[in-house]
Amino acid sequence: MADIWIAGVKVARPAKIDVGRFDITKSERTGSGKMTMEIVRADIRRVDVTWQYMLDDDLKAMLDVIAANKPFFTLKFPDAGKQETIVCYVGDISISLWHTVGGIKRWESVQIPFIEQ
């Protein structure tokens, strides 16, 4: 899996990166019920990143970088045919159970959605 950088800091290598694209629209229905829509901004990206069995120290370091740079920061990640950098914010962070493996604490799954500003 490829590397990613949060606010210019290279973080632990993720297990999975999913890049989604969507448009921000302003829509409404007319009196006759017909939908009208204006594209306010096209091709916004949401980058969902998952880490498996992440070391406790790596998780803390990454969360510290995010906290120090809120609300908006850069995310550098692999995208179709290139490395891409966007200005983004984080959605809901999901961290599941931890296990101790060889005396070292590891988090089973860490999932963070990064949403383009």
PDB file of N, CA and C in Angstrom:
ATOM      1  N   MET A   1       0.854  -1.182   0.000  1.00  0.00           N
ATOM      2  CA  MET A   1       0.000   0.000   0.000  1.00  0.00           C
ATOM      3  C   MET A   1       0.892   1.235   0.000  1.00  0.00           C
ATOM      4  N   ALA A   2       0.377   2.292  -0.530  1.00  0.00           N
ATOM      5  CA  ALA A   2       1.120   3.543  -0.682  1.00  0.00           C
ATOM      6  C   ALA A   2       1.149   4.348   0.612  1.00  0.00           C
ATOM      7  N   ASP A   3       2.066   5.295   0.655  1.00  0.00           N
ATOM      8  CA  ASP A   3       2.195   6.182   1.805  1.00  0.00           C
ATOM      9  C   ASP A   3       1.207   7.338   1.700  1.00  0.00           C
ATOM     10  N   ILE A   4       0.882   7.923   2.866  1.00  0.00           N
ATOM     11  CA  ILE A   4       0.095   9.160   2.908  1.00  0.00           C
ATOM     12  C   ILE A   4       0.748  10.131   3.877  1.00  0.00           C
ATOM     13  N   TRP A   5       0.468  11.428   3.661  1.00  0.00           N
ATOM     14  CA  TRP A   5       0.998  12.483   4.511  1.00  0.00           C
ATOM     15  C   TRP A   5      -0.166  13.335   4.991  1.00  0.00           C
ATOM     16  N   ILE A   6      -0.185  13.603   6.289  1.00  0.00           N
ATOM     17  CA  ILE A   6      -1.197  14.470   6.888  1.00  0.00           C
ATOM     18  C   ILE A   6      -0.488  15.728   7.363  1.00  0.00           C
ATOM     19  N   ALA A   7      -0.895  16.884   6.837  1.00  0.00           N
ATOM     20  CA  ALA A   7      -0.274  18.170   7.185  1.00  0.00           C
ATOM     21  C   ALA A   7       1.239  18.105   7.000  1.00  0.00           C
ATOM     22  N   GLY A   8       1.675  17.439   5.937  1.00  0.00           N
ATOM     23  CA  GLY A   8       3.097  17.340   5.629  1.00  0.00           C
ATOM     24  C   GLY A   8       3.861  16.284   6.406  1.00  0.00           C
ATOM     25  N   VAL A   9       3.179  15.547   7.263  1.00  0.00           N
ATOM     26  CA  VAL A   9       3.827  14.524   8.094  1.00  0.00           C
ATOM     27  C   VAL A   9       3.471  13.136   7.552  1.00  0.00           C
ATOM     28  N   LYS A  10       4.485  12.357   7.216  1.00  0.00           N
ATOM     29  CA  LYS A  10       4.248  10.990   6.755  1.00  0.00           C
ATOM     30  C   LYS A  10       3.787  10.161   7.948  1.00  0.00           C
ATOM     31  N   VAL A  11       2.645   9.490   7.804  1.00  0.00           N
ATOM     32  CA  VAL A  11       2.087   8.683   8.889  1.00  0.00           C
ATOM     33  C   VAL A  11       2.229   7.199   8.541  1.00  0.00           C
ATOM     34  N   ALA A  12       1.829   6.346   9.465  1.00  0.00           N
ATOM     35  CA  ALA A  12       1.922   4.904   9.259  1.00  0.00           C
ATOM     36  C   ALA A  12       1.238   4.514   7.952  1.00  0.00           C
ATOM     37  N   ARG A  13       1.809   3.543   7.272  1.00  0.00           N
ATOM     38  CA  ARG A  13       1.278   3.092   5.979  1.00  0.00           C
ATOM     39  C   ARG A  13      -0.073   2.400   6.193  1.00  0.00           C
ATOM     40  N   PRO A  14      -1.117   2.849   5.486  1.00  0.00           N
ATOM     41  CA  PRO A  14      -2.444   2.261   5.661  1.00  0.00           C
ATOM     42  C   PRO A  14      -2.585   0.916   4.954  1.00  0.00           C
ATOM     43  N   ALA A  15      -3.619   0.181   5.351  1.00  0.00           N
ATOM     44  CA  ALA A  15      -3.945  -1.086   4.700  1.00  0.00           C
ATOM     45  C   ALA A  15      -4.831  -0.861   3.484  1.00  0.00           C
ATOM     46  N   LYS A  16      -5.620   0.234   3.503  1.00  0.00           N
ATOM     47  CA  LYS A  16      -6.595   0.460   2.440  1.00  0.00           C
ATOM     48  C   LYS A  16      -6.876   1.949   2.295  1.00  0.00           C
ATOM     49  N   ILE A  17      -6.995   2.394   1.035  1.00  0.00           N
ATOM     50  CA  ILE A  17      -7.383   3.769   0.731  1.00  0.00           C
ATOM     51  C   ILE A  17      -8.499   3.717  -0.308  1.00  0.00           C
ATOM     52  N   ASP A  18      -9.649   4.299   0.021  1.00  0.00           N
ATOM     53  CA  ASP A  18     -10.774   4.386  -0.913  1.00  0.00           C
ATOM     54  C   ASP A  18     -11.004   5.858  -1.234  1.00  0.00           C
ATOM     55  N   VAL A  19     -10.963   6.201  -2.524  1.00  0.00           N
ATOM     56  CA  VAL A  19     -11.184   7.585  -2.948  1.00  0.00           C
ATOM     57  C   VAL A  19     -12.542   7.673  -3.630  1.00  0.00           C
ATOM     58  N   GLY A  20     -13.415   8.491  -3.064  1.00  0.00           N
ATOM     59  CA  GLY A  20     -14.729   8.731  -3.655  1.00  0.00           C
ATOM     60  C   GLY A  20     -14.805  10.157  -4.168  1.00  0.00           C
ATOM     61  N   ARG A  21     -15.653  10.373  -5.135  1.00  0.00           N
ATOM     62  CA  ARG A  21     -15.832  11.704  -5.715  1.00  0.00           C
ATOM     63  C   ARG A  21     -17.323  12.043  -5.738  1.00  0.00           C
ATOM     64  N   PHE A  22     -17.640  13.291  -5.445  1.00  0.00           N
ATOM     65  CA  PHE A  22     -19.038  13.716  -5.467  1.00  0.00           C
ATOM     66  C   PHE A  22     -19.124  15.193  -5.797  1.00  0.00           C
ATOM     67  N   ASP A  23     -20.314  15.640  -6.138  1.00  0.00           N
ATOM     68  CA  ASP A  23     -20.572  17.046  -6.435  1.00  0.00           C
ATOM     69  C   ASP A  23     -21.388  17.654  -5.299  1.00  0.00           C
ATOM     70  N   ILE A  24     -21.135  18.910  -5.021  1.00  0.00           N
ATOM     71  CA  ILE A  24     -21.968  19.658  -4.082  1.00  0.00           C
ATOM     72  C   ILE A  24     -23.011  20.380  -4.935  1.00  0.00           C
ATOM     73  N   THR A  25     -24.273  20.159  -4.603  1.00  0.00           N
ATOM     74  CA  THR A  25     -25.343  20.726  -5.414  1.00  0.00           C
ATOM     75  C   THR A  25     -26.307  21.546  -4.572  1.00  0.00           C
ATOM     76  N   LYS A  26     -27.010  22.431  -5.261  1.00  0.00           N
ATOM     77  CA  LYS A  26     -28.119  23.172  -4.670  1.00  0.00           C
ATOM     78  C   LYS A  26     -29.335  22.745  -5.480  1.00  0.00           C
ATOM     79  N   SER A  27     -30.264  22.064  -4.836  1.00  0.00           N
ATOM     80  CA  SER A  27     -31.409  21.548  -5.590  1.00  0.00           C
ATOM     81  C   SER A  27     -32.714  21.879  -4.885  1.00  0.00           C
ATOM     82  N   GLU A  28     -33.762  21.909  -5.674  1.00  0.00           N
ATOM     83  CA  GLU A  28     -35.106  22.142  -5.144  1.00  0.00           C
ATOM     84  C   GLU A  28     -36.131  21.675  -6.164  1.00  0.00           C
ATOM     85  N   ARG A  29     -37.351  21.569  -5.731  1.00  0.00           N
ATOM     86  CA  ARG A  29     -38.454  21.189  -6.625  1.00  0.00           C
ATOM     87  C   ARG A  29     -39.281  22.427  -6.944  1.00  0.00           C
ATOM     88  N   THR A  30     -39.698  22.493  -8.177  1.00  0.00           N
ATOM     89  CA  THR A  30     -40.578  23.586  -8.588  1.00  0.00           C
ATOM     90  C   THR A  30     -41.989  23.281  -8.109  1.00  0.00           C
ATOM     91  N   GLY A  31     -42.888  24.219  -8.304  1.00  0.00           N
ATOM     92  CA  GLY A  31     -44.289  24.017  -7.923  1.00  0.00           C
ATOM     93  C   GLY A  31     -44.916  22.819  -8.612  1.00  0.00           C
ATOM     94  N   SER A  32     -44.448  22.481  -9.814  1.00  0.00           N
ATOM     95  CA  SER A  32     -45.003  21.333 -10.547  1.00  0.00           C
ATOM     96  C   SER A  32     -44.349  20.016 -10.130  1.00  0.00           C
ATOM     97  N   GLY A  33     -43.340  20.103  -9.233  1.00  0.00           N
ATOM     98  CA  GLY A  33     -42.681  18.884  -8.769  1.00  0.00           C
ATOM     99  C   GLY A  33     -41.408  18.533  -9.523  1.00  0.00           C
ATOM    100  N   LYS A  34     -41.060  19.331 -10.523  1.00  0.00           N
ATOM    101  CA  LYS A  34     -39.851  19.057 -11.301  1.00  0.00           C
ATOM    102  C   LYS A  34     -38.614  19.466 -10.494  1.00  0.00           C
ATOM    103  N   MET A  35     -37.614  18.590 -10.499  1.00  0.00           N
ATOM    104  CA  MET A  35     -36.370  18.858  -9.773  1.00  0.00           C
ATOM    105  C   MET A  35     -35.479  19.774 -10.597  1.00  0.00           C
ATOM    106  N   THR A  36     -34.933  20.801  -9.938  1.00  0.00           N
ATOM    107  CA  THR A  36     -33.913  21.646 -10.554  1.00  0.00           C
ATOM    108  C   THR A  36     -32.656  21.514  -9.718  1.00  0.00           C
ATOM    109  N   MET A  37     -31.514  21.629 -10.381  1.00  0.00           N
ATOM    110  CA  MET A  37     -30.268  21.432  -9.656  1.00  0.00           C
ATOM    111  C   MET A  37     -29.168  22.295 -10.258  1.00  0.00           C
ATOM    112  N   GLU A  38     -28.394  22.894  -9.376  1.00  0.00           N
ATOM    113  CA  GLU A  38     -27.228  23.669  -9.774  1.00  0.00           C
ATOM    114  C   GLU A  38     -26.014  23.011  -9.126  1.00  0.00           C
ATOM    115  N   ILE A  39     -24.979  22.745  -9.917  1.00  0.00           N
ATOM    116  CA  ILE A  39     -23.744  22.193  -9.348  1.00  0.00           C
ATOM    117  C   ILE A  39     -22.939  23.369  -8.806  1.00  0.00           C
ATOM    118  N   VAL A  40     -22.795  23.396  -7.487  1.00  0.00           N
ATOM    119  CA  VAL A  40     -22.081  24.468  -6.809  1.00  0.00           C
ATOM    120  C   VAL A  40     -20.575  24.231  -6.916  1.00  0.00           C
ATOM    121  N   ARG A  41     -20.167  22.975  -6.729  1.00  0.00           N
ATOM    122  CA  ARG A  41     -18.753  22.603  -6.840  1.00  0.00           C
ATOM    123  C   ARG A  41     -18.679  21.141  -7.257  1.00  0.00           C
ATOM    124  N   ALA A  42     -17.908  20.861  -8.292  1.00  0.00           N
ATOM    125  CA  ALA A  42     -17.833  19.503  -8.827  1.00  0.00           C
ATOM    126  C   ALA A  42     -16.561  18.794  -8.378  1.00  0.00           C
ATOM    127  N   ASP A  43     -16.659  17.491  -8.341  1.00  0.00           N
ATOM    128  CA  ASP A  43     -15.509  16.609  -8.147  1.00  0.00           C
ATOM    129  C   ASP A  43     -14.803  16.781  -6.800  1.00  0.00           C
ATOM    130  N   ILE A  44     -15.574  16.844  -5.741  1.00  0.00           N
ATOM    131  CA  ILE A  44     -15.033  16.878  -4.386  1.00  0.00           C
ATOM    132  C   ILE A  44     -14.625  15.452  -4.017  1.00  0.00           C
ATOM    133  N   ARG A  45     -13.490  15.312  -3.353  1.00  0.00           N
ATOM    134  CA  ARG A  45     -13.037  13.968  -2.973  1.00  0.00           C
ATOM    135  C   ARG A  45     -13.209  13.691  -1.490  1.00  0.00           C
ATOM    136  N   ARG A  46     -13.520  12.432  -1.219  1.00  0.00           N
ATOM    137  CA  ARG A  46     -13.546  11.906   0.136  1.00  0.00           C
ATOM    138  C   ARG A  46     -12.591  10.716   0.116  1.00  0.00           C
ATOM    139  N   VAL A  47     -11.604  10.760   0.998  1.00  0.00           N
ATOM    140  CA  VAL A  47     -10.589   9.716   1.039  1.00  0.00           C
ATOM    141  C   VAL A  47     -10.758   8.954   2.351  1.00  0.00           C
ATOM    142  N   ASP A  48     -11.262   7.729   2.250  1.00  0.00           N
ATOM    143  CA  ASP A  48     -11.449   6.879   3.434  1.00  0.00           C
ATOM    144  C   ASP A  48     -10.213   6.001   3.582  1.00  0.00           C
ATOM    145  N   VAL A  49      -9.527   6.155   4.719  1.00  0.00           N
ATOM    146  CA  VAL A  49      -8.273   5.439   4.942  1.00  0.00           C
ATOM    147  C   VAL A  49      -8.452   4.485   6.115  1.00  0.00           C
ATOM    148  N   THR A  50      -7.953   3.249   5.946  1.00  0.00           N
ATOM    149  CA  THR A  50      -8.049   2.220   6.980  1.00  0.00           C
ATOM    150  C   THR A  50      -6.665   1.684   7.297  1.00  0.00           C
ATOM    151  N   TRP A  51      -6.376   1.581   8.584  1.00  0.00           N
ATOM    152  CA  TRP A  51      -5.154   0.947   9.063  1.00  0.00           C
ATOM    153  C   TRP A  51      -5.546  -0.315   9.821  1.00  0.00           C
ATOM    154  N   GLN A  52      -4.784  -1.382   9.672  1.00  0.00           N
ATOM    155  CA  GLN A  52      -5.018  -2.634  10.390  1.00  0.00           C
ATOM    156  C   GLN A  52      -3.872  -2.864  11.374  1.00  0.00           C
ATOM    157  N   TYR A  53      -4.212  -3.245  12.588  1.00  0.00           N
ATOM    158  CA  TYR A  53      -3.236  -3.540  13.638  1.00  0.00           C
ATOM    159  C   TYR A  53      -2.176  -2.447  13.752  1.00  0.00           C
ATOM    160  N   MET A  54      -2.667  -1.231  13.905  1.00  0.00           N
ATOM    161  CA  MET A  54      -1.804  -0.052  13.999  1.00  0.00           C
ATOM    162  C   MET A  54      -1.165   0.030  15.375  1.00  0.00           C
ATOM    163  N   LEU A  55       0.124   0.313  15.401  1.00  0.00           N
ATOM    164  CA  LEU A  55       0.823   0.473  16.672  1.00  0.00           C
ATOM    165  C   LEU A  55       0.244   1.654  17.444  1.00  0.00           C
ATOM    166  N   ASP A  56       0.170   1.511  18.759  1.00  0.00           N
ATOM    167  CA  ASP A  56      -0.385   2.547  19.622  1.00  0.00           C
ATOM    168  C   ASP A  56       0.362   3.869  19.450  1.00  0.00           C
ATOM    169  N   ASP A  57       1.685   3.827  19.391  1.00  0.00           N
ATOM    170  CA  ASP A  57       2.475   5.053  19.222  1.00  0.00           C
ATOM    171  C   ASP A  57       2.182   5.731  17.881  1.00  0.00           C
ATOM    172  N   ASP A  58       2.003   4.930  16.817  1.00  0.00           N
ATOM    173  CA  ASP A  58       1.680   5.488  15.499  1.00  0.00           C
ATOM    174  C   ASP A  58       0.302   6.154  15.506  1.00  0.00           C
ATOM    175  N   LEU A  59      -0.663   5.523  16.186  1.00  0.00           N
ATOM    176  CA  LEU A  59      -2.008   6.099  16.281  1.00  0.00           C
ATOM    177  C   LEU A  59      -1.960   7.421  17.033  1.00  0.00           C
ATOM    178  N   LYS A  60      -1.286   7.442  18.161  1.00  0.00           N
ATOM    179  CA  LYS A  60      -1.202   8.675  18.947  1.00  0.00           C
ATOM    180  C   LYS A  60      -0.538   9.788  18.137  1.00  0.00           C
ATOM    181  N   ALA A  61       0.549   9.478  17.452  1.00  0.00           N
ATOM    182  CA  ALA A  61       1.253  10.489  16.651  1.00  0.00           C
ATOM    183  C   ALA A  61       0.342  11.052  15.553  1.00  0.00           C
ATOM    184  N   MET A  62      -0.413  10.177  14.890  1.00  0.00           N
ATOM    185  CA  MET A  62      -1.299  10.622  13.824  1.00  0.00           C
ATOM    186  C   MET A  62      -2.433  11.491  14.373  1.00  0.00           C
ATOM    187  N   LEU A  63      -3.053  11.069  15.468  1.00  0.00           N
ATOM    188  CA  LEU A  63      -4.129  11.861  16.064  1.00  0.00           C
ATOM    189  C   LEU A  63      -3.617  13.212  16.552  1.00  0.00           C
ATOM    190  N   ASP A  64      -2.370  13.246  17.054  1.00  0.00           N
ATOM    191  CA  ASP A  64      -1.766  14.508  17.485  1.00  0.00           C
ATOM    192  C   ASP A  64      -1.573  15.465  16.305  1.00  0.00           C
ATOM    193  N   VAL A  65      -1.145  14.941  15.148  1.00  0.00           N
ATOM    194  CA  VAL A  65      -0.971  15.776  13.951  1.00  0.00           C
ATOM    195  C   VAL A  65      -2.318  16.347  13.506  1.00  0.00           C
ATOM    196  N   ILE A  66      -3.349  15.504  13.501  1.00  0.00           N
ATOM    197  CA  ILE A  66      -4.678  15.969  13.112  1.00  0.00           C
ATOM    198  C   ILE A  66      -5.170  17.047  14.069  1.00  0.00           C
ATOM    199  N   ALA A  67      -5.048  16.798  15.370  1.00  0.00           N
ATOM    200  CA  ALA A  67      -5.519  17.755  16.376  1.00  0.00           C
ATOM    201  C   ALA A  67      -4.778  19.088  16.291  1.00  0.00           C
ATOM    202  N   ALA A  68      -3.486  19.059  16.006  1.00  0.00           N
ATOM    203  CA  ALA A  68      -2.680  20.275  15.951  1.00  0.00           C
ATOM    204  C   ALA A  68      -2.982  21.120  14.718  1.00  0.00           C
ATOM    205  N   ASN A  69      -3.616  20.522  13.708  1.00  0.00           N
ATOM    206  CA  ASN A  69      -3.826  21.230  12.446  1.00  0.00           C
ATOM    207  C   ASN A  69      -5.289  21.448  12.093  1.00  0.00           C
ATOM    208  N   LYS A  70      -6.216  21.156  13.009  1.00  0.00           N
ATOM    209  CA  LYS A  70      -7.636  21.355  12.744  1.00  0.00           C
ATOM    210  C   LYS A  70      -7.948  22.823  12.570  1.00  0.00           C
ATOM    211  N   PRO A  71      -8.944  23.211  11.816  1.00  0.00           N
ATOM    212  CA  PRO A  71      -9.907  22.320  11.207  1.00  0.00           C
ATOM    213  C   PRO A  71      -9.491  21.802   9.838  1.00  0.00           C
ATOM    214  N   PHE A  72      -8.633  22.543   9.095  1.00  0.00           N
ATOM    215  CA  PHE A  72      -8.271  22.131   7.743  1.00  0.00           C
ATOM    216  C   PHE A  72      -6.773  21.918   7.629  1.00  0.00           C
ATOM    217  N   PHE A  73      -6.372  20.928   6.859  1.00  0.00           N
ATOM    218  CA  PHE A  73      -4.966  20.595   6.665  1.00  0.00           C
ATOM    219  C   PHE A  73      -4.824  19.868   5.330  1.00  0.00           C
ATOM    220  N   THR A  74      -3.588  19.660   4.907  1.00  0.00           N
ATOM    221  CA  THR A  74      -3.365  18.968   3.643  1.00  0.00           C
ATOM    222  C   THR A  74      -3.306  17.456   3.856  1.00  0.00           C
ATOM    223  N   LEU A  75      -3.737  16.735   2.844  1.00  0.00           N
ATOM    224  CA  LEU A  75      -3.624  15.280   2.794  1.00  0.00           C
ATOM    225  C   LEU A  75      -3.018  14.934   1.446  1.00  0.00           C
ATOM    226  N   LYS A  76      -1.904  14.235   1.472  1.00  0.00           N
ATOM    227  CA  LYS A  76      -1.262  13.769   0.245  1.00  0.00           C
ATOM    228  C   LYS A  76      -1.478  12.264   0.174  1.00  0.00           C
ATOM    229  N   PHE A  77      -2.012  11.790  -0.963  1.00  0.00           N
ATOM    230  CA  PHE A  77      -2.405  10.394  -1.095  1.00  0.00           C
ATOM    231  C   PHE A  77      -2.303   9.973  -2.556  1.00  0.00           C
ATOM    232  N   PRO A  78      -2.260   8.676  -2.830  1.00  0.00           N
ATOM    233  CA  PRO A  78      -2.242   8.234  -4.225  1.00  0.00           C
ATOM    234  C   PRO A  78      -3.643   8.332  -4.824  1.00  0.00           C
ATOM    235  N   ASP A  79      -3.713   8.885  -6.026  1.00  0.00           N
ATOM    236  CA  ASP A  79      -4.972   8.968  -6.762  1.00  0.00           C
ATOM    237  C   ASP A  79      -4.703   8.440  -8.168  1.00  0.00           C
ATOM    238  N   ALA A  80      -5.696   8.390  -8.983  1.00  0.00           N
ATOM    239  CA  ALA A  80      -5.572   7.817 -10.322  1.00  0.00           C
ATOM    240  C   ALA A  80      -4.373   8.386 -11.074  1.00  0.00           C
ATOM    241  N   GLY A  81      -3.328   7.595 -11.223  1.00  0.00           N
ATOM    242  CA  GLY A  81      -2.163   7.952 -12.013  1.00  0.00           C
ATOM    243  C   GLY A  81      -1.188   8.942 -11.409  1.00  0.00           C
ATOM    244  N   LYS A  82      -1.392   9.354 -10.152  1.00  0.00           N
ATOM    245  CA  LYS A  82      -0.503  10.372  -9.572  1.00  0.00           C
ATOM    246  C   LYS A  82      -0.653  10.446  -8.060  1.00  0.00           C
ATOM    247  N   GLN A  83       0.212  11.210  -7.423  1.00  0.00           N
ATOM    248  CA  GLN A  83       0.045  11.596  -6.028  1.00  0.00           C
ATOM    249  C   GLN A  83      -0.788  12.872  -6.041  1.00  0.00           C
ATOM    250  N   GLU A  84      -1.758  12.976  -5.173  1.00  0.00           N
ATOM    251  CA  GLU A  84      -2.646  14.135  -5.119  1.00  0.00           C
ATOM    252  C   GLU A  84      -2.558  14.756  -3.732  1.00  0.00           C
ATOM    253  N   THR A  85      -2.697  16.061  -3.661  1.00  0.00           N
ATOM    254  CA  THR A  85      -2.751  16.765  -2.379  1.00  0.00           C
ATOM    255  C   THR A  85      -4.028  17.592  -2.353  1.00  0.00           C
ATOM    256  N   ILE A  86      -4.802  17.444  -1.278  1.00  0.00           N
ATOM    257  CA  ILE A  86      -6.025  18.218  -1.109  1.00  0.00           C
ATOM    258  C   ILE A  86      -6.004  18.887   0.271  1.00  0.00           C
ATOM    259  N   VAL A  87      -6.780  19.941   0.411  1.00  0.00           N
ATOM    260  CA  VAL A  87      -7.037  20.540   1.722  1.00  0.00           C
ATOM    261  C   VAL A  87      -8.325  19.902   2.206  1.00  0.00           C
ATOM    262  N   CYS A  88      -8.307  19.381   3.438  1.00  0.00           N
ATOM    263  CA  CYS A  88      -9.443  18.600   3.911  1.00  0.00           C
ATOM    264  C   CYS A  88      -9.670  18.764   5.416  1.00  0.00           C
ATOM    265  N   TYR A  89     -10.710  18.110   5.878  1.00  0.00           N
ATOM    266  CA  TYR A  89     -11.002  17.979   7.300  1.00  0.00           C
ATOM    267  C   TYR A  89     -11.352  16.515   7.540  1.00  0.00           C
ATOM    268  N   VAL A  90     -11.417  16.095   8.813  1.00  0.00           N
ATOM    269  CA  VAL A  90     -11.760  14.705   9.097  1.00  0.00           C
ATOM    270  C   VAL A  90     -13.215  14.576   9.486  1.00  0.00           C
ATOM    271  N   GLY A  91     -13.801  13.442   9.107  1.00  0.00           N
ATOM    272  CA  GLY A  91     -15.137  13.081   9.562  1.00  0.00           C
ATOM    273  C   GLY A  91     -15.001  12.320  10.879  1.00  0.00           C
ATOM    274  N   ASP A  92     -15.929  11.421  11.134  1.00  0.00           N
ATOM    275  CA  ASP A  92     -15.907  10.635  12.368  1.00  0.00           C
ATOM    276  C   ASP A  92     -14.810   9.584  12.313  1.00  0.00           C
ATOM    277  N   ILE A  93     -13.926   9.609  13.302  1.00  0.00           N
ATOM    278  CA  ILE A  93     -12.828   8.651  13.386  1.00  0.00           C
ATOM    279  C   ILE A  93     -13.324   7.422  14.136  1.00  0.00           C
ATOM    280  N   SER A  94     -13.073   6.250  13.561  1.00  0.00           N
ATOM    281  CA  SER A  94     -13.500   4.985  14.165  1.00  0.00           C
ATOM    282  C   SER A  94     -12.267   4.155  14.519  1.00  0.00           C
ATOM    283  N   ILE A  95     -12.154   3.811  15.797  1.00  0.00           N
ATOM    284  CA  ILE A  95     -11.019   3.017  16.281  1.00  0.00           C
ATOM    285  C   ILE A  95     -11.589   1.816  17.021  1.00  0.00           C
ATOM    286  N   SER A  96     -11.215   0.615  16.566  1.00  0.00           N
ATOM    287  CA  SER A  96     -11.772  -0.581  17.197  1.00  0.00           C
ATOM    288  C   SER A  96     -10.789  -1.177  18.214  1.00  0.00           C
ATOM    289  N   LEU A  97     -11.145  -2.305  18.738  1.00  0.00           N
ATOM    290  CA  LEU A  97     -10.411  -2.964  19.815  1.00  0.00           C
ATOM    291  C   LEU A  97      -8.910  -3.008  19.619  1.00  0.00           C
ATOM    292  N   TRP A  98      -8.221  -3.001  20.743  1.00  0.00           N
ATOM    293  CA  TRP A  98      -6.771  -3.152  20.684  1.00  0.00           C
ATOM    294  C   TRP A  98      -6.386  -4.514  21.246  1.00  0.00           C
ATOM    295  N   HIS A  99      -5.237  -4.962  20.795  1.00  0.00           N
ATOM    296  CA  HIS A  99      -4.675  -6.235  21.244  1.00  0.00           C
ATOM    297  C   HIS A  99      -3.215  -5.991  21.581  1.00  0.00           C
ATOM    298  N   THR A 100      -2.708  -6.783  22.495  1.00  0.00           N
ATOM    299  CA  THR A 100      -1.281  -6.732  22.780  1.00  0.00           C
ATOM    300  C   THR A 100      -0.629  -7.907  22.075  1.00  0.00           C
ATOM    301  N   VAL A 101       0.277  -7.586  21.148  1.00  0.00           N
ATOM    302  CA  VAL A 101       0.977  -8.601  20.370  1.00  0.00           C
ATOM    303  C   VAL A 101       2.456  -8.453  20.665  1.00  0.00           C
ATOM    304  N   GLY A 102       3.054  -9.484  21.271  1.00  0.00           N
ATOM    305  CA  GLY A 102       4.475  -9.415  21.617  1.00  0.00           C
ATOM    306  C   GLY A 102       4.783  -8.296  22.578  1.00  0.00           C
ATOM    307  N   GLY A 103       3.830  -7.997  23.463  1.00  0.00           N
ATOM    308  CA  GLY A 103       4.020  -6.940  24.450  1.00  0.00           C
ATOM    309  C   GLY A 103       3.775  -5.537  23.909  1.00  0.00           C
ATOM    310  N   ILE A 104       3.358  -5.439  22.644  1.00  0.00           N
ATOM    311  CA  ILE A 104       3.121  -4.129  22.024  1.00  0.00           C
ATOM    312  C   ILE A 104       1.632  -3.978  21.723  1.00  0.00           C
ATOM    313  N   LYS A 105       1.067  -2.847  22.154  1.00  0.00           N
ATOM    314  CA  LYS A 105      -0.352  -2.564  21.932  1.00  0.00           C
ATOM    315  C   LYS A 105      -0.592  -2.182  20.476  1.00  0.00           C
ATOM    316  N   ARG A 106      -1.558  -2.865  19.832  1.00  0.00           N
ATOM    317  CA  ARG A 106      -1.933  -2.591  18.442  1.00  0.00           C
ATOM    318  C   ARG A 106      -3.450  -2.448  18.364  1.00  0.00           C
ATOM    319  N   TRP A 107      -3.892  -1.467  17.568  1.00  0.00           N
ATOM    320  CA  TRP A 107      -5.319  -1.243  17.355  1.00  0.00           C
ATOM    321  C   TRP A 107      -5.753  -2.045  16.142  1.00  0.00           C
ATOM    322  N   GLU A 108      -6.800  -2.840  16.310  1.00  0.00           N
ATOM    323  CA  GLU A 108      -7.244  -3.764  15.260  1.00  0.00           C
ATOM    324  C   GLU A 108      -7.609  -3.057  13.959  1.00  0.00           C
ATOM    325  N   SER A 109      -8.371  -1.970  14.074  1.00  0.00           N
ATOM    326  CA  SER A 109      -8.769  -1.238  12.873  1.00  0.00           C
ATOM    327  C   SER A 109      -8.967   0.237  13.224  1.00  0.00           C
ATOM    328  N   VAL A 110      -8.374   1.093  12.396  1.00  0.00           N
ATOM    329  CA  VAL A 110      -8.538   2.542  12.535  1.00  0.00           C
ATOM    330  C   VAL A 110      -9.040   3.028  11.183  1.00  0.00           C
ATOM    331  N   GLN A 111     -10.173   3.760  11.197  1.00  0.00           N
ATOM    332  CA  GLN A 111     -10.754   4.261   9.950  1.00  0.00           C
ATOM    333  C   GLN A 111     -10.981   5.764  10.072  1.00  0.00           C
ATOM    334  N   ILE A 112     -10.469   6.494   9.090  1.00  0.00           N
ATOM    335  CA  ILE A 112     -10.626   7.954   9.098  1.00  0.00           C
ATOM    336  C   ILE A 112     -11.068   8.418   7.715  1.00  0.00           C
ATOM    337  N   PRO A 113     -12.194   9.139   7.634  1.00  0.00           N
ATOM    338  CA  PRO A 113     -12.583   9.763   6.376  1.00  0.00           C
ATOM    339  C   PRO A 113     -12.004  11.185   6.305  1.00  0.00           C
ATOM    340  N   PHE A 114     -11.307  11.482   5.237  1.00  0.00           N
ATOM    341  CA  PHE A 114     -10.769  12.819   4.981  1.00  0.00           C
ATOM    342  C   PHE A 114     -11.626  13.411   3.852  1.00  0.00           C
ATOM    343  N   ILE A 115     -12.259  14.563   4.116  1.00  0.00           N
ATOM    344  CA  ILE A 115     -13.212  15.152   3.193  1.00  0.00           C
ATOM    345  C   ILE A 115     -12.679  16.481   2.692  1.00  0.00           C
ATOM    346  N   GLU A 116     -12.601  16.615   1.371  1.00  0.00           N
ATOM    347  CA  GLU A 116     -12.042  17.827   0.769  1.00  0.00           C
ATOM    348  C   GLU A 116     -12.850  19.050   1.159  1.00  0.00           C
ATOM    349  N   GLN A 117     -12.127  20.148   1.432  1.00  0.00           N
ATOM    350  CA  GLN A 117     -12.764  21.403   1.852  1.00  0.00           C
ATOM    351  C   GLN A 117     -13.638  21.974   0.761  1.00  0.00           C
TER     352      GLN A 117
END
